[in-house]
Amino acid sequence: MELHENQAALVLTIDDKGEVSVDVAAQDSTSLPAEVCNAIAMKLIGDENFQEEIMGSRK
């Protein structure tokens, strides 16, 4: 996938143990879209309630 200057993306990877890693892809890491993706990534990594809420939707 090719991203334009005004775009950013979250890349989620789940390993065999169910561990989630989050990466942000962007042409410019200081752009607003990249900053929003970084904020979401930090929330995914650091907020257990948010993780449970998201993973609970899989059940």
PDB file of N, CA and C in Angstrom:
ATOM      1  N   MET A   1       0.851  -1.171   0.000  1.00  0.00           N
ATOM      2  CA  MET A   1       0.000   0.000   0.000  1.00  0.00           C
ATOM      3  C   MET A   1       0.900   1.238   0.000  1.00  0.00           C
ATOM      4  N   GLU A   2       0.589   2.160  -0.847  1.00  0.00           N
ATOM      5  CA  GLU A   2       1.342   3.404  -0.923  1.00  0.00           C
ATOM      6  C   GLU A   2       0.561   4.505  -0.215  1.00  0.00           C
ATOM      7  N   LEU A   3       1.233   5.198   0.691  1.00  0.00           N
ATOM      8  CA  LEU A   3       0.590   6.284   1.431  1.00  0.00           C
ATOM      9  C   LEU A   3       0.994   7.631   0.851  1.00  0.00           C
ATOM     10  N   HIS A   4       0.050   8.537   0.802  1.00  0.00           N
ATOM     11  CA  HIS A   4       0.317   9.902   0.364  1.00  0.00           C
ATOM     12  C   HIS A   4       0.775  10.721   1.575  1.00  0.00           C
ATOM     13  N   GLU A   5       1.239  11.934   1.318  1.00  0.00           N
ATOM     14  CA  GLU A   5       1.758  12.786   2.393  1.00  0.00           C
ATOM     15  C   GLU A   5       0.730  13.064   3.479  1.00  0.00           C
ATOM     16  N   ASN A   6      -0.546  13.096   3.117  1.00  0.00           N
ATOM     17  CA  ASN A   6      -1.594  13.422   4.081  1.00  0.00           C
ATOM     18  C   ASN A   6      -2.276  12.168   4.631  1.00  0.00           C
ATOM     19  N   GLN A   7      -1.574  11.020   4.584  1.00  0.00           N
ATOM     20  CA  GLN A   7      -2.143   9.771   5.077  1.00  0.00           C
ATOM     21  C   GLN A   7      -1.176   9.093   6.041  1.00  0.00           C
ATOM     22  N   ALA A   8      -1.739   8.275   6.906  1.00  0.00           N
ATOM     23  CA  ALA A   8      -0.963   7.418   7.804  1.00  0.00           C
ATOM     24  C   ALA A   8      -1.797   6.174   8.063  1.00  0.00           C
ATOM     25  N   ALA A   9      -1.143   5.119   8.502  1.00  0.00           N
ATOM     26  CA  ALA A   9      -1.858   3.871   8.736  1.00  0.00           C
ATOM     27  C   ALA A   9      -1.310   3.175   9.979  1.00  0.00           C
ATOM     28  N   LEU A  10      -2.205   2.483  10.680  1.00  0.00           N
ATOM     29  CA  LEU A  10      -1.794   1.605  11.765  1.00  0.00           C
ATOM     30  C   LEU A  10      -1.602   0.216  11.174  1.00  0.00           C
ATOM     31  N   VAL A  11      -0.514  -0.428  11.547  1.00  0.00           N
ATOM     32  CA  VAL A  11      -0.246  -1.796  11.111  1.00  0.00           C
ATOM     33  C   VAL A  11      -0.241  -2.654  12.371  1.00  0.00           C
ATOM     34  N   LEU A  12      -1.244  -3.530  12.470  1.00  0.00           N
ATOM     35  CA  LEU A  12      -1.387  -4.381  13.646  1.00  0.00           C
ATOM     36  C   LEU A  12      -0.929  -5.788  13.302  1.00  0.00           C
ATOM     37  N   THR A  13      -0.124  -6.363  14.174  1.00  0.00           N
ATOM     38  CA  THR A  13       0.343  -7.728  14.006  1.00  0.00           C
ATOM     39  C   THR A  13       0.011  -8.499  15.270  1.00  0.00           C
ATOM     40  N   ILE A  14      -0.553  -9.698  15.097  1.00  0.00           N
ATOM     41  CA  ILE A  14      -0.855 -10.560  16.235  1.00  0.00           C
ATOM     42  C   ILE A  14      -0.060 -11.843  16.045  1.00  0.00           C
ATOM     43  N   ASP A  15       0.782 -12.172  17.045  1.00  0.00           N
ATOM     44  CA  ASP A  15       1.602 -13.373  16.924  1.00  0.00           C
ATOM     45  C   ASP A  15       0.839 -14.608  17.385  1.00  0.00           C
ATOM     46  N   ASP A  16       1.502 -15.743  17.357  1.00  0.00           N
ATOM     47  CA  ASP A  16       0.875 -17.021  17.717  1.00  0.00           C
ATOM     48  C   ASP A  16       0.392 -17.064  19.159  1.00  0.00           C
ATOM     49  N   LYS A  17       0.988 -16.228  20.012  1.00  0.00           N
ATOM     50  CA  LYS A  17       0.611 -16.192  21.427  1.00  0.00           C
ATOM     51  C   LYS A  17      -0.516 -15.197  21.688  1.00  0.00           C
ATOM     52  N   GLY A  18      -0.958 -14.502  20.642  1.00  0.00           N
ATOM     53  CA  GLY A  18      -2.014 -13.512  20.792  1.00  0.00           C
ATOM     54  C   GLY A  18      -1.517 -12.128  21.179  1.00  0.00           C
ATOM     55  N   GLU A  19      -0.197 -11.948  21.200  1.00  0.00           N
ATOM     56  CA  GLU A  19       0.379 -10.633  21.506  1.00  0.00           C
ATOM     57  C   GLU A  19       0.219  -9.705  20.304  1.00  0.00           C
ATOM     58  N   VAL A  20      -0.193  -8.486  20.583  1.00  0.00           N
ATOM     59  CA  VAL A  20      -0.429  -7.508  19.525  1.00  0.00           C
ATOM     60  C   VAL A  20       0.710  -6.504  19.495  1.00  0.00           C
ATOM     61  N   SER A  21       1.238  -6.250  18.307  1.00  0.00           N
ATOM     62  CA  SER A  21       2.197  -5.157  18.137  1.00  0.00           C
ATOM     63  C   SER A  21       1.580  -4.151  17.172  1.00  0.00           C
ATOM     64  N   VAL A  22       1.921  -2.897  17.387  1.00  0.00           N
ATOM     65  CA  VAL A  22       1.336  -1.812  16.610  1.00  0.00           C
ATOM     66  C   VAL A  22       2.463  -0.973  16.020  1.00  0.00           C
ATOM     67  N   ASP A  23       2.395  -0.750  14.725  1.00  0.00           N
ATOM     68  CA  ASP A  23       3.338   0.132  14.046  1.00  0.00           C
ATOM     69  C   ASP A  23       2.547   1.206  13.306  1.00  0.00           C
ATOM     70  N   VAL A  24       3.175   2.353  13.127  1.00  0.00           N
ATOM     71  CA  VAL A  24       2.565   3.441  12.365  1.00  0.00           C
ATOM     72  C   VAL A  24       3.370   3.629  11.093  1.00  0.00           C
ATOM     73  N   ALA A  25       2.676   3.650   9.975  1.00  0.00           N
ATOM     74  CA  ALA A  25       3.314   3.902   8.681  1.00  0.00           C
ATOM     75  C   ALA A  25       2.866   5.271   8.188  1.00  0.00           C
ATOM     76  N   ALA A  26       3.834   6.096   7.775  1.00  0.00           N
ATOM     77  CA  ALA A  26       3.519   7.433   7.255  1.00  0.00           C
ATOM     78  C   ALA A  26       4.735   7.962   6.511  1.00  0.00           C
ATOM     79  N   GLN A  27       4.482   8.765   5.497  1.00  0.00           N
ATOM     80  CA  GLN A  27       5.593   9.410   4.793  1.00  0.00           C
ATOM     81  C   GLN A  27       6.260  10.451   5.679  1.00  0.00           C
ATOM     82  N   ASP A  28       5.453  11.176   6.443  1.00  0.00           N
ATOM     83  CA  ASP A  28       5.960  12.238   7.310  1.00  0.00           C
ATOM     84  C   ASP A  28       5.497  11.945   8.736  1.00  0.00           C
ATOM     85  N   SER A  29       6.417  11.550   9.595  1.00  0.00           N
ATOM     86  CA  SER A  29       6.056  11.151  10.957  1.00  0.00           C
ATOM     87  C   SER A  29       5.570  12.322  11.817  1.00  0.00           C
ATOM     88  N   THR A  30       5.700  13.557  11.315  1.00  0.00           N
ATOM     89  CA  THR A  30       5.231  14.714  12.085  1.00  0.00           C
ATOM     90  C   THR A  30       3.897  15.265  11.559  1.00  0.00           C
ATOM     91  N   SER A  31       3.319  14.590  10.569  1.00  0.00           N
ATOM     92  CA  SER A  31       2.043  15.064  10.011  1.00  0.00           C
ATOM     93  C   SER A  31       0.901  14.786  10.995  1.00  0.00           C
ATOM     94  N   LEU A  32      -0.196  15.478  10.815  1.00  0.00           N
ATOM     95  CA  LEU A  32      -1.359  15.277  11.675  1.00  0.00           C
ATOM     96  C   LEU A  32      -1.866  13.836  11.616  1.00  0.00           C
ATOM     97  N   PRO A  33      -2.005  13.235  10.421  1.00  0.00           N
ATOM     98  CA  PRO A  33      -2.454  11.838  10.388  1.00  0.00           C
ATOM     99  C   PRO A  33      -1.509  10.901  11.150  1.00  0.00           C
ATOM    100  N   ALA A  34      -0.210  11.109  11.036  1.00  0.00           N
ATOM    101  CA  ALA A  34       0.756  10.278  11.757  1.00  0.00           C
ATOM    102  C   ALA A  34       0.634  10.487  13.263  1.00  0.00           C
ATOM    103  N   GLU A  35       0.432  11.718  13.683  1.00  0.00           N
ATOM    104  CA  GLU A  35       0.275  11.998  15.110  1.00  0.00           C
ATOM    105  C   GLU A  35      -0.994  11.351  15.664  1.00  0.00           C
ATOM    106  N   VAL A  36      -2.078  11.369  14.897  1.00  0.00           N
ATOM    107  CA  VAL A  36      -3.322  10.714  15.330  1.00  0.00           C
ATOM    108  C   VAL A  36      -3.100   9.202  15.433  1.00  0.00           C
ATOM    109  N   CYS A  37      -2.448   8.617  14.425  1.00  0.00           N
ATOM    110  CA  CYS A  37      -2.162   7.177  14.473  1.00  0.00           C
ATOM    111  C   CYS A  37      -1.259   6.836  15.660  1.00  0.00           C
ATOM    112  N   ASN A  38      -0.278   7.684  15.941  1.00  0.00           N
ATOM    113  CA  ASN A  38       0.592   7.453  17.097  1.00  0.00           C
ATOM    114  C   ASN A  38      -0.202   7.490  18.401  1.00  0.00           C
ATOM    115  N   ALA A  39      -1.141   8.415  18.512  1.00  0.00           N
ATOM    116  CA  ALA A  39      -1.971   8.506  19.711  1.00  0.00           C
ATOM    117  C   ALA A  39      -2.825   7.255  19.874  1.00  0.00           C
ATOM    118  N   ILE A  40      -3.394   6.772  18.780  1.00  0.00           N
ATOM    119  CA  ILE A  40      -4.197   5.543  18.829  1.00  0.00           C
ATOM    120  C   ILE A  40      -3.307   4.355  19.188  1.00  0.00           C
ATOM    121  N   ALA A  41      -2.118   4.284  18.604  1.00  0.00           N
ATOM    122  CA  ALA A  41      -1.186   3.194  18.897  1.00  0.00           C
ATOM    123  C   ALA A  41      -0.816   3.190  20.379  1.00  0.00           C
ATOM    124  N   MET A  42      -0.546   4.350  20.943  1.00  0.00           N
ATOM    125  CA  MET A  42      -0.199   4.435  22.363  1.00  0.00           C
ATOM    126  C   MET A  42      -1.363   3.989  23.238  1.00  0.00           C
ATOM    127  N   LYS A  43      -2.569   4.340  22.843  1.00  0.00           N
ATOM    128  CA  LYS A  43      -3.756   3.918  23.593  1.00  0.00           C
ATOM    129  C   LYS A  43      -3.919   2.400  23.498  1.00  0.00           C
ATOM    130  N   LEU A  44      -3.694   1.835  22.318  1.00  0.00           N
ATOM    131  CA  LEU A  44      -3.784   0.386  22.149  1.00  0.00           C
ATOM    132  C   LEU A  44      -2.757  -0.337  23.024  1.00  0.00           C
ATOM    133  N   ILE A  45      -1.565   0.209  23.096  1.00  0.00           N
ATOM    134  CA  ILE A  45      -0.490  -0.433  23.847  1.00  0.00           C
ATOM    135  C   ILE A  45      -0.657  -0.244  25.349  1.00  0.00           C
ATOM    136  N   GLY A  46      -1.070   0.943  25.770  1.00  0.00           N
ATOM    137  CA  GLY A  46      -1.017   1.281  27.184  1.00  0.00           C
ATOM    138  C   GLY A  46      -2.311   1.205  27.973  1.00  0.00           C
ATOM    139  N   ASP A  47      -3.433   1.023  27.325  1.00  0.00           N
ATOM    140  CA  ASP A  47      -4.719   1.064  28.023  1.00  0.00           C
ATOM    141  C   ASP A  47      -5.361  -0.326  28.017  1.00  0.00           C
ATOM    142  N   GLU A  48      -5.227  -1.043  29.130  1.00  0.00           N
ATOM    143  CA  GLU A  48      -5.751  -2.412  29.209  1.00  0.00           C
ATOM    144  C   GLU A  48      -7.265  -2.462  29.007  1.00  0.00           C
ATOM    145  N   ASN A  49      -7.991  -1.482  29.523  1.00  0.00           N
ATOM    146  CA  ASN A  49      -9.446  -1.461  29.346  1.00  0.00           C
ATOM    147  C   ASN A  49      -9.810  -1.333  27.871  1.00  0.00           C
ATOM    148  N   PHE A  50      -9.084  -0.481  27.162  1.00  0.00           N
ATOM    149  CA  PHE A  50      -9.322  -0.299  25.737  1.00  0.00           C
ATOM    150  C   PHE A  50      -9.017  -1.592  24.984  1.00  0.00           C
ATOM    151  N   GLN A  51      -7.914  -2.266  25.339  1.00  0.00           N
ATOM    152  CA  GLN A  51      -7.562  -3.543  24.718  1.00  0.00           C
ATOM    153  C   GLN A  51      -8.662  -4.570  24.944  1.00  0.00           C
ATOM    154  N   GLU A  52      -9.133  -4.666  26.180  1.00  0.00           N
ATOM    155  CA  GLU A  52     -10.191  -5.625  26.503  1.00  0.00           C
ATOM    156  C   GLU A  52     -11.477  -5.302  25.744  1.00  0.00           C
ATOM    157  N   GLU A  53     -11.784  -4.015  25.626  1.00  0.00           N
ATOM    158  CA  GLU A  53     -12.979  -3.594  24.897  1.00  0.00           C
ATOM    159  C   GLU A  53     -12.891  -4.035  23.427  1.00  0.00           C
ATOM    160  N   ILE A  54     -11.746  -3.823  22.826  1.00  0.00           N
ATOM    161  CA  ILE A  54     -11.582  -4.192  21.421  1.00  0.00           C
ATOM    162  C   ILE A  54     -11.575  -5.708  21.263  1.00  0.00           C
ATOM    163  N   MET A  55     -10.814  -6.394  22.063  1.00  0.00           N
ATOM    164  CA  MET A  55     -10.715  -7.847  21.940  1.00  0.00           C
ATOM    165  C   MET A  55     -12.027  -8.525  22.347  1.00  0.00           C
ATOM    166  N   GLY A  56     -12.779  -7.898  23.240  1.00  0.00           N
ATOM    167  CA  GLY A  56     -14.055  -8.446  23.658  1.00  0.00           C
ATOM    168  C   GLY A  56     -15.067  -8.450  22.523  1.00  0.00           C
ATOM    169  N   SER A  57     -14.880  -7.579  21.546  1.00  0.00           N
ATOM    170  CA  SER A  57     -15.811  -7.531  20.412  1.00  0.00           C
ATOM    171  C   SER A  57     -15.630  -8.748  19.495  1.00  0.00           C
ATOM    172  N   ARG A  58     -14.550  -9.497  19.669  1.00  0.00           N
ATOM    173  CA  ARG A  58     -14.292 -10.694  18.841  1.00  0.00           C
ATOM    174  C   ARG A  58     -15.122 -11.874  19.323  1.00  0.00           C
ATOM    175  N   LYS A  59     -15.619 -11.832  20.552  1.00  0.00           N
ATOM    176  CA  LYS A  59     -16.337 -12.972  21.129  1.00  0.00           C
ATOM    177  C   LYS A  59     -17.743 -13.079  20.603  1.00  0.00           C
TER     178      LYS A  59
END
